[in-house]
Structure formats: structure tokens, C-alpha cells
């Protein structure tokens, strides 16, 4: 497989993951994704931002999230986010430290 085809396939897989999380499984909460998989929609938006920044494109966290989510975070939260239990919040602190804080 040539490099361009590989890049196009990787991009298509990313778009399908994005569609799955943003359209097919809006019921799955970011906190559940982070607690179980070590990443969430916000991580994907951050990785998008980092890739843009590495290529000299000035993009901040808010802009990257709006591109990834297709809406503002306030709109997403109002439409899809539910309250997390204290147990899930405690798990999140550990998952965030292990998967995000130490990686930056």
C-alpha cells in the first residue's frame, strides 16, 4: 500500500470513529470513555489540535473541540451530557492522571 492510500484510509477510519461517537453513540458519556478506554471525545479533539499545531496551523482547544464536535461544548453538554456519579468522578481523576496529565 502506498503512503497516500494509507493516510486516506487512516483518515476515513478517524472520520468513522468520529461519526460513531458523535452520531451513533451520543449516549456514551465522555467520563465513561475515559474511565474505560483512557480517552474520550475531548482527547480526540486535542489530538486534532496537536496535529494542526504541529503543521503550523494556529488552533486552540475551543476551536478544535468545535471542529470535532460540530458544535460548541455548551451545546454538546446541554444536549447529551448527564450528571456523573461521585464514583465515576473519582475513577475519572485516576484515568485523567494516567492518560492525559502524564502524557502532556
PDB file of N, CA and C in Angstrom:
ATOM      1  N   UNK A   1       0.845  -1.165   0.000  1.00  0.00           N
ATOM      2  CA  UNK A   1       0.000   0.000   0.000  1.00  0.00           C
ATOM      3  C   UNK A   1       0.900   1.241   0.000  1.00  0.00           C
ATOM      4  N   UNK A   2       0.576   2.193  -0.850  1.00  0.00           N
ATOM      5  CA  UNK A   2       1.393   3.405  -0.890  1.00  0.00           C
ATOM      6  C   UNK A   2       1.008   4.320   0.276  1.00  0.00           C
ATOM      7  N   UNK A   3       1.888   5.260   0.608  1.00  0.00           N
ATOM      8  CA  UNK A   3       1.726   6.126   1.775  1.00  0.00           C
ATOM      9  C   UNK A   3       0.455   6.968   1.695  1.00  0.00           C
ATOM     10  N   UNK A   4       0.138   7.532   0.536  1.00  0.00           N
ATOM     11  CA  UNK A   4      -1.059   8.364   0.395  1.00  0.00           C
ATOM     12  C   UNK A   4      -2.336   7.556   0.642  1.00  0.00           C
ATOM     13  N   UNK A   5      -2.385   6.346   0.120  1.00  0.00           N
ATOM     14  CA  UNK A   5      -3.545   5.487   0.349  1.00  0.00           C
ATOM     15  C   UNK A   5      -3.669   5.162   1.835  1.00  0.00           C
ATOM     16  N   UNK A   6      -2.552   4.874   2.479  1.00  0.00           N
ATOM     17  CA  UNK A   6      -2.560   4.591   3.912  1.00  0.00           C
ATOM     18  C   UNK A   6      -3.116   5.784   4.694  1.00  0.00           C
ATOM     19  N   UNK A   7      -2.667   6.986   4.362  1.00  0.00           N
ATOM     20  CA  UNK A   7      -3.154   8.209   5.026  1.00  0.00           C
ATOM     21  C   UNK A   7      -4.653   8.378   4.805  1.00  0.00           C
ATOM     22  N   UNK A   8      -5.119   8.137   3.591  1.00  0.00           N
ATOM     23  CA  UNK A   8      -6.543   8.276   3.280  1.00  0.00           C
ATOM     24  C   UNK A   8      -7.387   7.257   4.049  1.00  0.00           C
ATOM     25  N   UNK A   9      -6.878   6.039   4.194  1.00  0.00           N
ATOM     26  CA  UNK A   9      -7.592   5.010   4.945  1.00  0.00           C
ATOM     27  C   UNK A   9      -7.617   5.362   6.431  1.00  0.00           C
ATOM     28  N   UNK A  10      -6.493   5.836   6.951  1.00  0.00           N
ATOM     29  CA  UNK A  10      -6.458   6.257   8.349  1.00  0.00           C
ATOM     30  C   UNK A  10      -7.437   7.404   8.590  1.00  0.00           C
ATOM     31  N   UNK A  11      -7.478   8.370   7.689  1.00  0.00           N
ATOM     32  CA  UNK A  11      -8.408   9.495   7.818  1.00  0.00           C
ATOM     33  C   UNK A  11      -9.859   9.016   7.765  1.00  0.00           C
ATOM     34  N   UNK A  12     -10.156   8.071   6.901  1.00  0.00           N
ATOM     35  CA  UNK A  12     -11.509   7.527   6.803  1.00  0.00           C
ATOM     36  C   UNK A  12     -11.889   6.805   8.095  1.00  0.00           C
ATOM     37  N   UNK A  13     -10.950   6.072   8.676  1.00  0.00           N
ATOM     38  CA  UNK A  13     -11.221   5.376   9.935  1.00  0.00           C
ATOM     39  C   UNK A  13     -11.467   6.386  11.056  1.00  0.00           C
ATOM     40  N   UNK A  14     -10.703   7.465  11.080  1.00  0.00           N
ATOM     41  CA  UNK A  14     -10.915   8.519  12.074  1.00  0.00           C
ATOM     42  C   UNK A  14     -12.301   9.142  11.908  1.00  0.00           C
ATOM     43  N   UNK A  15     -12.670   9.453  10.675  1.00  0.00           N
ATOM     44  CA  UNK A  15     -13.999  10.041  10.428  1.00  0.00           C
ATOM     45  C   UNK A  15     -15.105   9.095  10.859  1.00  0.00           C
ATOM     46  N   UNK A  16     -14.920   7.794  10.669  1.00  0.00           N
ATOM     47  CA  UNK A  16     -15.936   6.823  11.080  1.00  0.00           C
ATOM     48  C   UNK A  16     -16.031   6.741  12.595  1.00  0.00           C
ATOM     49  N   UNK A  17     -14.890   6.785  13.281  1.00  0.00           N
ATOM     50  CA  UNK A  17     -14.893   6.820  14.745  1.00  0.00           C
ATOM     51  C   UNK A  17     -15.597   8.081  15.232  1.00  0.00           C
ATOM     52  N   UNK A  18     -15.294   9.195  14.624  1.00  0.00           N
ATOM     53  CA  UNK A  18     -15.938  10.451  14.992  1.00  0.00           C
ATOM     54  C   UNK A  18     -17.452  10.357  14.799  1.00  0.00           C
ATOM     55  N   UNK A  19     -17.904   9.851  13.665  1.00  0.00           N
ATOM     56  CA  UNK A  19     -19.336   9.702  13.398  1.00  0.00           C
ATOM     57  C   UNK A  19     -19.967   8.774  14.432  1.00  0.00           C
ATOM     58  N   UNK A  20     -19.292   7.684  14.738  1.00  0.00           N
ATOM     59  CA  UNK A  20     -19.820   6.729  15.702  1.00  0.00           C
ATOM     60  C   UNK A  20     -20.040   7.409  17.058  1.00  0.00           C
ATOM     61  N   UNK A  21     -19.059   8.175  17.510  1.00  0.00           N
ATOM     62  CA  UNK A  21     -19.159   8.812  18.820  1.00  0.00           C
ATOM     63  C   UNK A  21     -20.084  10.026  18.828  1.00  0.00           C
ATOM     64  N   UNK A  22     -20.170  10.725  17.693  1.00  0.00           N
ATOM     65  CA  UNK A  22     -20.945  11.968  17.658  1.00  0.00           C
ATOM     66  C   UNK A  22     -22.380  11.774  17.190  1.00  0.00           C
ATOM     67  N   UNK A  23     -22.652  10.693  16.472  1.00  0.00           N
ATOM     68  CA  UNK A  23     -23.999  10.479  15.946  1.00  0.00           C
ATOM     69  C   UNK A  23     -24.625   9.171  16.434  1.00  0.00           C
ATOM     70  N   UNK A  24     -23.868   8.095  16.371  1.00  0.00           N
ATOM     71  CA  UNK A  24     -24.423   6.780  16.685  1.00  0.00           C
ATOM     72  C   UNK A  24     -24.503   6.499  18.181  1.00  0.00           C
ATOM     73  N   UNK A  25     -23.539   7.013  18.954  1.00  0.00           N
ATOM     74  CA  UNK A  25     -23.470   6.681  20.384  1.00  0.00           C
ATOM     75  C   UNK A  25     -23.329   7.924  21.259  1.00  0.00           C
ATOM     76  N   UNK A  26     -24.219   8.875  21.034  1.00  0.00           N
ATOM     77  CA  UNK A  26     -24.212  10.074  21.874  1.00  0.00           C
ATOM     78  C   UNK A  26     -24.560   9.742  23.320  1.00  0.00           C
ATOM     79  N   UNK A  27     -25.131   8.572  23.551  1.00  0.00           N
ATOM     80  CA  UNK A  27     -25.482   8.145  24.901  1.00  0.00           C
ATOM     81  C   UNK A  27     -24.261   7.787  25.735  1.00  0.00           C
ATOM     82  N   UNK A  28     -23.162   7.466  25.095  1.00  0.00           N
ATOM     83  CA  UNK A  28     -21.944   7.113  25.817  1.00  0.00           C
ATOM     84  C   UNK A  28     -21.285   8.409  26.284  1.00  0.00           C
ATOM     85  N   UNK A  29     -21.126   8.523  27.576  1.00  0.00           N
ATOM     86  CA  UNK A  29     -20.573   9.734  28.174  1.00  0.00           C
ATOM     87  C   UNK A  29     -19.049   9.760  28.055  1.00  0.00           C
ATOM     88  N   UNK A  30     -18.500  10.967  27.931  1.00  0.00           N
ATOM     89  CA  UNK A  30     -17.046  11.121  27.885  1.00  0.00           C
ATOM     90  C   UNK A  30     -16.382  10.522  29.120  1.00  0.00           C
ATOM     91  N   UNK A  31     -16.986  10.708  30.278  1.00  0.00           N
ATOM     92  CA  UNK A  31     -16.392  10.184  31.507  1.00  0.00           C
ATOM     93  C   UNK A  31     -16.307   8.658  31.458  1.00  0.00           C
ATOM     94  N   UNK A  32     -17.312   8.012  30.852  1.00  0.00           N
ATOM     95  CA  UNK A  32     -17.273   6.556  30.714  1.00  0.00           C
ATOM     96  C   UNK A  32     -16.181   6.125  29.739  1.00  0.00           C
ATOM     97  N   UNK A  33     -16.048   6.847  28.640  1.00  0.00           N
ATOM     98  CA  UNK A  33     -14.978   6.543  27.683  1.00  0.00           C
ATOM     99  C   UNK A  33     -13.611   6.671  28.352  1.00  0.00           C
ATOM    100  N   UNK A  34     -13.400   7.772  29.062  1.00  0.00           N
ATOM    101  CA  UNK A  34     -12.108   7.992  29.710  1.00  0.00           C
ATOM    102  C   UNK A  34     -11.846   6.925  30.769  1.00  0.00           C
ATOM    103  N   UNK A  35     -12.850   6.633  31.559  1.00  0.00           N
ATOM    104  CA  UNK A  35     -12.659   5.649  32.630  1.00  0.00           C
ATOM    105  C   UNK A  35     -12.376   4.253  32.089  1.00  0.00           C
ATOM    106  N   UNK A  36     -12.981   3.906  30.973  1.00  0.00           N
ATOM    107  CA  UNK A  36     -12.817   2.555  30.441  1.00  0.00           C
ATOM    108  C   UNK A  36     -11.702   2.437  29.405  1.00  0.00           C
ATOM    109  N   UNK A  37     -11.545   3.459  28.562  1.00  0.00           N
ATOM    110  CA  UNK A  37     -10.603   3.348  27.448  1.00  0.00           C
ATOM    111  C   UNK A  37      -9.387   4.262  27.573  1.00  0.00           C
ATOM    112  N   UNK A  38      -9.442   5.217  28.482  1.00  0.00           N
ATOM    113  CA  UNK A  38      -8.308   6.121  28.649  1.00  0.00           C
ATOM    114  C   UNK A  38      -8.286   7.266  27.662  1.00  0.00           C
ATOM    115  N   UNK A  39      -9.381   7.458  26.925  1.00  0.00           N
ATOM    116  CA  UNK A  39      -9.516   8.606  26.034  1.00  0.00           C
ATOM    117  C   UNK A  39     -10.999   8.885  25.847  1.00  0.00           C
ATOM    118  N   UNK A  40     -11.302  10.102  25.380  1.00  0.00           N
ATOM    119  CA  UNK A  40     -12.694  10.473  25.144  1.00  0.00           C
ATOM    120  C   UNK A  40     -12.760  11.417  23.940  1.00  0.00           C
ATOM    121  N   UNK A  41     -13.910  11.955  23.694  1.00  0.00           N
ATOM    122  CA  UNK A  41     -14.085  12.889  22.575  1.00  0.00           C
ATOM    123  C   UNK A  41     -13.160  14.093  22.713  1.00  0.00           C
ATOM    124  N   UNK A  42     -12.993  14.576  23.940  1.00  0.00           N
ATOM    125  CA  UNK A  42     -12.107  15.725  24.149  1.00  0.00           C
ATOM    126  C   UNK A  42     -10.661  15.382  23.812  1.00  0.00           C
ATOM    127  N   UNK A  43     -10.248  14.164  24.100  1.00  0.00           N
ATOM    128  CA  UNK A  43      -8.897  13.721  23.732  1.00  0.00           C
ATOM    129  C   UNK A  43      -8.745  13.726  22.213  1.00  0.00           C
ATOM    130  N   UNK A  44      -9.748  13.215  21.507  1.00  0.00           N
ATOM    131  CA  UNK A  44      -9.695  13.206  20.044  1.00  0.00           C
ATOM    132  C   UNK A  44      -9.606  14.628  19.506  1.00  0.00           C
ATOM    133  N   UNK A  45     -10.352  15.545  20.097  1.00  0.00           N
ATOM    134  CA  UNK A  45     -10.277  16.947  19.677  1.00  0.00           C
ATOM    135  C   UNK A  45      -8.889  17.516  19.974  1.00  0.00           C
ATOM    136  N   UNK A  46      -8.323  17.154  21.127  1.00  0.00           N
ATOM    137  CA  UNK A  46      -6.984  17.636  21.470  1.00  0.00           C
ATOM    138  C   UNK A  46      -5.939  17.079  20.508  1.00  0.00           C
ATOM    139  N   UNK A  47      -6.067  15.806  20.152  1.00  0.00           N
ATOM    140  CA  UNK A  47      -5.119  15.214  19.207  1.00  0.00           C
ATOM    141  C   UNK A  47      -5.231  15.900  17.844  1.00  0.00           C
ATOM    142  N   UNK A  48      -6.445  16.262  17.468  1.00  0.00           N
ATOM    143  CA  UNK A  48      -6.674  17.004  16.217  1.00  0.00           C
ATOM    144  C   UNK A  48      -5.957  18.353  16.312  1.00  0.00           C
ATOM    145  N   UNK A  49      -6.125  19.042  17.432  1.00  0.00           N
ATOM    146  CA  UNK A  49      -5.463  20.329  17.645  1.00  0.00           C
ATOM    147  C   UNK A  49      -3.948  20.178  17.590  1.00  0.00           C
ATOM    148  N   UNK A  50      -3.424  19.183  18.268  1.00  0.00           N
ATOM    149  CA  UNK A  50      -1.980  18.960  18.284  1.00  0.00           C
ATOM    150  C   UNK A  50      -1.446  18.704  16.882  1.00  0.00           C
ATOM    151  N   UNK A  51      -2.165  17.913  16.089  1.00  0.00           N
ATOM    152  CA  UNK A  51      -1.738  17.639  14.712  1.00  0.00           C
ATOM    153  C   UNK A  51      -1.747  18.911  13.884  1.00  0.00           C
ATOM    154  N   UNK A  52      -2.764  19.754  14.085  1.00  0.00           N
ATOM    155  CA  UNK A  52      -2.823  21.035  13.366  1.00  0.00           C
ATOM    156  C   UNK A  52      -1.665  21.930  13.786  1.00  0.00           C
ATOM    157  N   UNK A  53      -1.437  22.026  15.089  1.00  0.00           N
ATOM    158  CA  UNK A  53      -0.356  22.866  15.596  1.00  0.00           C
ATOM    159  C   UNK A  53       1.007  22.402  15.094  1.00  0.00           C
ATOM    160  N   UNK A  54       1.212  21.082  15.018  1.00  0.00           N
ATOM    161  CA  UNK A  54       2.474  20.536  14.513  1.00  0.00           C
ATOM    162  C   UNK A  54       2.722  20.931  13.059  1.00  0.00           C
ATOM    163  N   UNK A  55       1.639  21.210  12.342  1.00  0.00           N
ATOM    164  CA  UNK A  55       1.749  21.609  10.940  1.00  0.00           C
ATOM    165  C   UNK A  55       1.704  23.124  10.762  1.00  0.00           C
ATOM    166  N   UNK A  56       1.859  23.858  11.861  1.00  0.00           N
ATOM    167  CA  UNK A  56       1.904  25.311  11.805  1.00  0.00           C
ATOM    168  C   UNK A  56       0.546  25.982  11.737  1.00  0.00           C
ATOM    169  N   UNK A  57      -0.519  25.231  11.982  1.00  0.00           N
ATOM    170  CA  UNK A  57      -1.862  25.803  11.971  1.00  0.00           C
ATOM    171  C   UNK A  57      -2.202  26.213  13.399  1.00  0.00           C
ATOM    172  N   UNK A  58      -2.500  27.491  13.589  1.00  0.00           N
ATOM    173  CA  UNK A  58      -2.827  28.008  14.910  1.00  0.00           C
ATOM    174  C   UNK A  58      -4.258  27.617  15.247  1.00  0.00           C
ATOM    175  N   UNK A  59      -4.401  26.767  16.257  1.00  0.00           N
ATOM    176  CA  UNK A  59      -5.722  26.289  16.665  1.00  0.00           C
ATOM    177  C   UNK A  59      -5.694  26.093  18.168  1.00  0.00           C
ATOM    178  N   UNK A  60      -6.684  26.645  18.863  1.00  0.00           N
ATOM    179  CA  UNK A  60      -6.748  26.445  20.301  1.00  0.00           C
ATOM    180  C   UNK A  60      -7.735  25.328  20.640  1.00  0.00           C
ATOM    181  N   UNK A  61      -7.817  25.012  21.933  1.00  0.00           N
ATOM    182  CA  UNK A  61      -8.652  23.907  22.395  1.00  0.00           C
ATOM    183  C   UNK A  61     -10.123  24.123  22.043  1.00  0.00           C
ATOM    184  N   UNK A  62     -10.607  25.324  22.219  1.00  0.00           N
ATOM    185  CA  UNK A  62     -12.014  25.608  21.935  1.00  0.00           C
ATOM    186  C   UNK A  62     -12.334  25.398  20.463  1.00  0.00           C
ATOM    187  N   UNK A  63     -11.474  25.913  19.596  1.00  0.00           N
ATOM    188  CA  UNK A  63     -11.683  25.753  18.153  1.00  0.00           C
ATOM    189  C   UNK A  63     -11.625  24.282  17.747  1.00  0.00           C
ATOM    190  N   UNK A  64     -10.666  23.540  18.283  1.00  0.00           N
ATOM    191  CA  UNK A  64     -10.543  22.117  17.950  1.00  0.00           C
ATOM    192  C   UNK A  64     -11.774  21.346  18.402  1.00  0.00           C
ATOM    193  N   UNK A  65     -12.275  21.659  19.579  1.00  0.00           N
ATOM    194  CA  UNK A  65     -13.469  20.974  20.067  1.00  0.00           C
ATOM    195  C   UNK A  65     -14.679  21.291  19.193  1.00  0.00           C
ATOM    196  N   UNK A  66     -14.822  22.542  18.787  1.00  0.00           N
ATOM    197  CA  UNK A  66     -15.954  22.901  17.931  1.00  0.00           C
ATOM    198  C   UNK A  66     -15.869  22.197  16.579  1.00  0.00           C
ATOM    199  N   UNK A  67     -14.658  22.038  16.053  1.00  0.00           N
ATOM    200  CA  UNK A  67     -14.485  21.308  14.796  1.00  0.00           C
ATOM    201  C   UNK A  67     -14.844  19.840  15.007  1.00  0.00           C
ATOM    202  N   UNK A  68     -14.318  19.230  16.078  1.00  0.00           N
ATOM    203  CA  UNK A  68     -14.565  17.809  16.313  1.00  0.00           C
ATOM    204  C   UNK A  68     -16.031  17.541  16.630  1.00  0.00           C
ATOM    205  N   UNK A  69     -16.592  18.316  17.546  1.00  0.00           N
ATOM    206  CA  UNK A  69     -17.972  18.094  17.983  1.00  0.00           C
ATOM    207  C   UNK A  69     -19.003  18.576  16.963  1.00  0.00           C
ATOM    208  N   UNK A  70     -18.611  19.528  16.123  1.00  0.00           N
ATOM    209  CA  UNK A  70     -19.573  20.103  15.184  1.00  0.00           C
ATOM    210  C   UNK A  70     -20.530  21.067  15.868  1.00  0.00           C
ATOM    211  N   UNK A  71     -20.170  21.482  17.060  1.00  0.00           N
ATOM    212  CA  UNK A  71     -20.973  22.409  17.863  1.00  0.00           C
ATOM    213  C   UNK A  71     -20.105  22.866  19.027  1.00  0.00           C
ATOM    214  N   UNK A  72     -20.596  23.833  19.779  1.00  0.00           N
ATOM    215  CA  UNK A  72     -19.847  24.261  20.958  1.00  0.00           C
ATOM    216  C   UNK A  72     -19.968  23.214  22.059  1.00  0.00           C
ATOM    217  N   UNK A  73     -19.048  23.279  23.013  1.00  0.00           N
ATOM    218  CA  UNK A  73     -19.121  22.361  24.149  1.00  0.00           C
ATOM    219  C   UNK A  73     -20.404  22.599  24.939  1.00  0.00           C
ATOM    220  N   UNK A  74     -20.822  23.850  25.041  1.00  0.00           N
ATOM    221  CA  UNK A  74     -22.053  24.161  25.764  1.00  0.00           C
ATOM    222  C   UNK A  74     -23.254  23.479  25.103  1.00  0.00           C
ATOM    223  N   UNK A  75     -23.285  23.497  23.771  1.00  0.00           N
ATOM    224  CA  UNK A  75     -24.377  22.830  23.045  1.00  0.00           C
ATOM    225  C   UNK A  75     -24.335  21.321  23.265  1.00  0.00           C
ATOM    226  N   UNK A  76     -23.136  20.731  23.189  1.00  0.00           N
ATOM    227  CA  UNK A  76     -22.994  19.295  23.401  1.00  0.00           C
ATOM    228  C   UNK A  76     -23.463  18.911  24.807  1.00  0.00           C
ATOM    229  N   UNK A  77     -22.965  19.632  25.786  1.00  0.00           N
ATOM    230  CA  UNK A  77     -23.321  19.310  27.167  1.00  0.00           C
ATOM    231  C   UNK A  77     -24.826  19.423  27.387  1.00  0.00           C
ATOM    232  N   UNK A  78     -25.428  20.471  26.866  1.00  0.00           N
ATOM    233  CA  UNK A  78     -26.871  20.663  27.043  1.00  0.00           C
ATOM    234  C   UNK A  78     -27.673  19.553  26.375  1.00  0.00           C
ATOM    235  N   UNK A  79     -27.189  19.058  25.264  1.00  0.00           N
ATOM    236  CA  UNK A  79     -27.924  18.042  24.508  1.00  0.00           C
ATOM    237  C   UNK A  79     -27.657  16.615  24.973  1.00  0.00           C
ATOM    238  N   UNK A  80     -26.440  16.314  25.423  1.00  0.00           N
ATOM    239  CA  UNK A  80     -26.063  14.913  25.617  1.00  0.00           C
ATOM    240  C   UNK A  80     -25.437  14.563  26.966  1.00  0.00           C
ATOM    241  N   UNK A  81     -24.847  15.516  27.645  1.00  0.00           N
ATOM    242  CA  UNK A  81     -24.118  15.156  28.863  1.00  0.00           C
ATOM    243  C   UNK A  81     -25.060  14.989  30.040  1.00  0.00           C
ATOM    244  N   UNK A  82     -24.817  13.935  30.823  1.00  0.00           N
ATOM    245  CA  UNK A  82     -25.595  13.676  32.030  1.00  0.00           C
ATOM    246  C   UNK A  82     -24.682  13.839  33.245  1.00  0.00           C
ATOM    247  N   UNK A  83     -25.287  13.923  34.393  1.00  0.00           N
ATOM    248  CA  UNK A  83     -24.534  14.070  35.641  1.00  0.00           C
ATOM    249  C   UNK A  83     -23.795  12.767  35.953  1.00  0.00           C
ATOM    250  N   UNK A  84     -22.535  12.901  36.342  1.00  0.00           N
ATOM    251  CA  UNK A  84     -21.725  11.727  36.683  1.00  0.00           C
ATOM    252  C   UNK A  84     -21.790  11.475  38.184  1.00  0.00           C
ATOM    253  N   UNK A  85     -21.842  10.219  38.538  1.00  0.00           N
ATOM    254  CA  UNK A  85     -21.874   9.841  39.958  1.00  0.00           C
ATOM    255  C   UNK A  85     -20.532  10.178  40.616  1.00  0.00           C
ATOM    256  N   UNK A  86     -20.521  10.307  41.925  1.00  0.00           N
ATOM    257  CA  UNK A  86     -19.244  10.535  42.625  1.00  0.00           C
ATOM    258  C   UNK A  86     -18.225   9.427  42.342  1.00  0.00           C
ATOM    259  N   UNK A  87     -18.702   8.197  42.182  1.00  0.00           N
ATOM    260  CA  UNK A  87     -17.792   7.079  41.886  1.00  0.00           C
ATOM    261  C   UNK A  87     -17.125   7.267  40.516  1.00  0.00           C
ATOM    262  N   UNK A  88     -17.927   7.649  39.526  1.00  0.00           N
ATOM    263  CA  UNK A  88     -17.369   7.873  38.188  1.00  0.00           C
ATOM    264  C   UNK A  88     -16.398   9.053  38.200  1.00  0.00           C
ATOM    265  N   UNK A  89     -16.716  10.085  38.959  1.00  0.00           N
ATOM    266  CA  UNK A  89     -15.827  11.240  39.049  1.00  0.00           C
ATOM    267  C   UNK A  89     -14.495  10.859  39.690  1.00  0.00           C
ATOM    268  N   UNK A  90     -14.534  10.007  40.702  1.00  0.00           N
ATOM    269  CA  UNK A  90     -13.299   9.530  41.342  1.00  0.00           C
ATOM    270  C   UNK A  90     -12.475   8.686  40.366  1.00  0.00           C
ATOM    271  N   UNK A  91     -13.138   7.805  39.617  1.00  0.00           N
ATOM    272  CA  UNK A  91     -12.450   6.999  38.600  1.00  0.00           C
ATOM    273  C   UNK A  91     -11.824   7.897  37.544  1.00  0.00           C
ATOM    274  N   UNK A  92     -12.548   8.958  37.173  1.00  0.00           N
ATOM    275  CA  UNK A  92     -12.059   9.881  36.152  1.00  0.00           C
ATOM    276  C   UNK A  92     -10.761  10.555  36.582  1.00  0.00           C
ATOM    277  N   UNK A  93     -10.673  10.958  37.835  1.00  0.00           N
ATOM    278  CA  UNK A  93      -9.446  11.608  38.321  1.00  0.00           C
ATOM    279  C   UNK A  93      -8.240  10.706  38.098  1.00  0.00           C
ATOM    280  N   UNK A  94      -8.401   9.427  38.360  1.00  0.00           N
ATOM    281  CA  UNK A  94      -7.316   8.460  38.166  1.00  0.00           C
ATOM    282  C   UNK A  94      -7.026   8.292  36.672  1.00  0.00           C
ATOM    283  N   UNK A  95      -8.076   8.083  35.879  1.00  0.00           N
ATOM    284  CA  UNK A  95      -7.902   7.870  34.434  1.00  0.00           C
ATOM    285  C   UNK A  95      -7.271   9.087  33.774  1.00  0.00           C
ATOM    286  N   UNK A  96      -7.709  10.280  34.161  1.00  0.00           N
ATOM    287  CA  UNK A  96      -7.156  11.504  33.576  1.00  0.00           C
ATOM    288  C   UNK A  96      -5.679  11.626  33.915  1.00  0.00           C
ATOM    289  N   UNK A  97      -5.336  11.381  35.166  1.00  0.00           N
ATOM    290  CA  UNK A  97      -3.930  11.462  35.578  1.00  0.00           C
ATOM    291  C   UNK A  97      -3.078  10.454  34.806  1.00  0.00           C
ATOM    292  N   UNK A  98      -3.579   9.246  34.661  1.00  0.00           N
ATOM    293  CA  UNK A  98      -2.814   8.196  33.986  1.00  0.00           C
ATOM    294  C   UNK A  98      -2.718   8.407  32.475  1.00  0.00           C
ATOM    295  N   UNK A  99      -3.745   8.971  31.858  1.00  0.00           N
ATOM    296  CA  UNK A  99      -3.804   9.015  30.401  1.00  0.00           C
ATOM    297  C   UNK A  99      -3.615  10.389  29.784  1.00  0.00           C
ATOM    298  N   UNK A 100      -3.797  11.434  30.541  1.00  0.00           N
ATOM    299  CA  UNK A 100      -3.688  12.778  29.979  1.00  0.00           C
ATOM    300  C   UNK A 100      -2.602  13.585  30.664  1.00  0.00           C
ATOM    301  N   UNK A 101      -2.703  13.760  31.957  1.00  0.00           N
ATOM    302  CA  UNK A 101      -1.786  14.621  32.677  1.00  0.00           C
ATOM    303  C   UNK A 101      -0.337  14.220  32.478  1.00  0.00           C
ATOM    304  N   UNK A 102      -0.039  12.932  32.614  1.00  0.00           N
ATOM    305  CA  UNK A 102       1.332  12.458  32.489  1.00  0.00           C
ATOM    306  C   UNK A 102       1.828  12.460  31.045  1.00  0.00           C
ATOM    307  N   UNK A 103       0.924  12.585  30.075  1.00  0.00           N
ATOM    308  CA  UNK A 103       1.302  12.499  28.662  1.00  0.00           C
ATOM    309  C   UNK A 103       1.621  13.870  28.056  1.00  0.00           C
ATOM    310  N   UNK A 104       1.205  14.934  28.716  1.00  0.00           N
ATOM    311  CA  UNK A 104       1.383  16.271  28.134  1.00  0.00           C
ATOM    312  C   UNK A 104       2.756  16.818  28.360  1.00  0.00           C
TER     313      UNK A 104
END
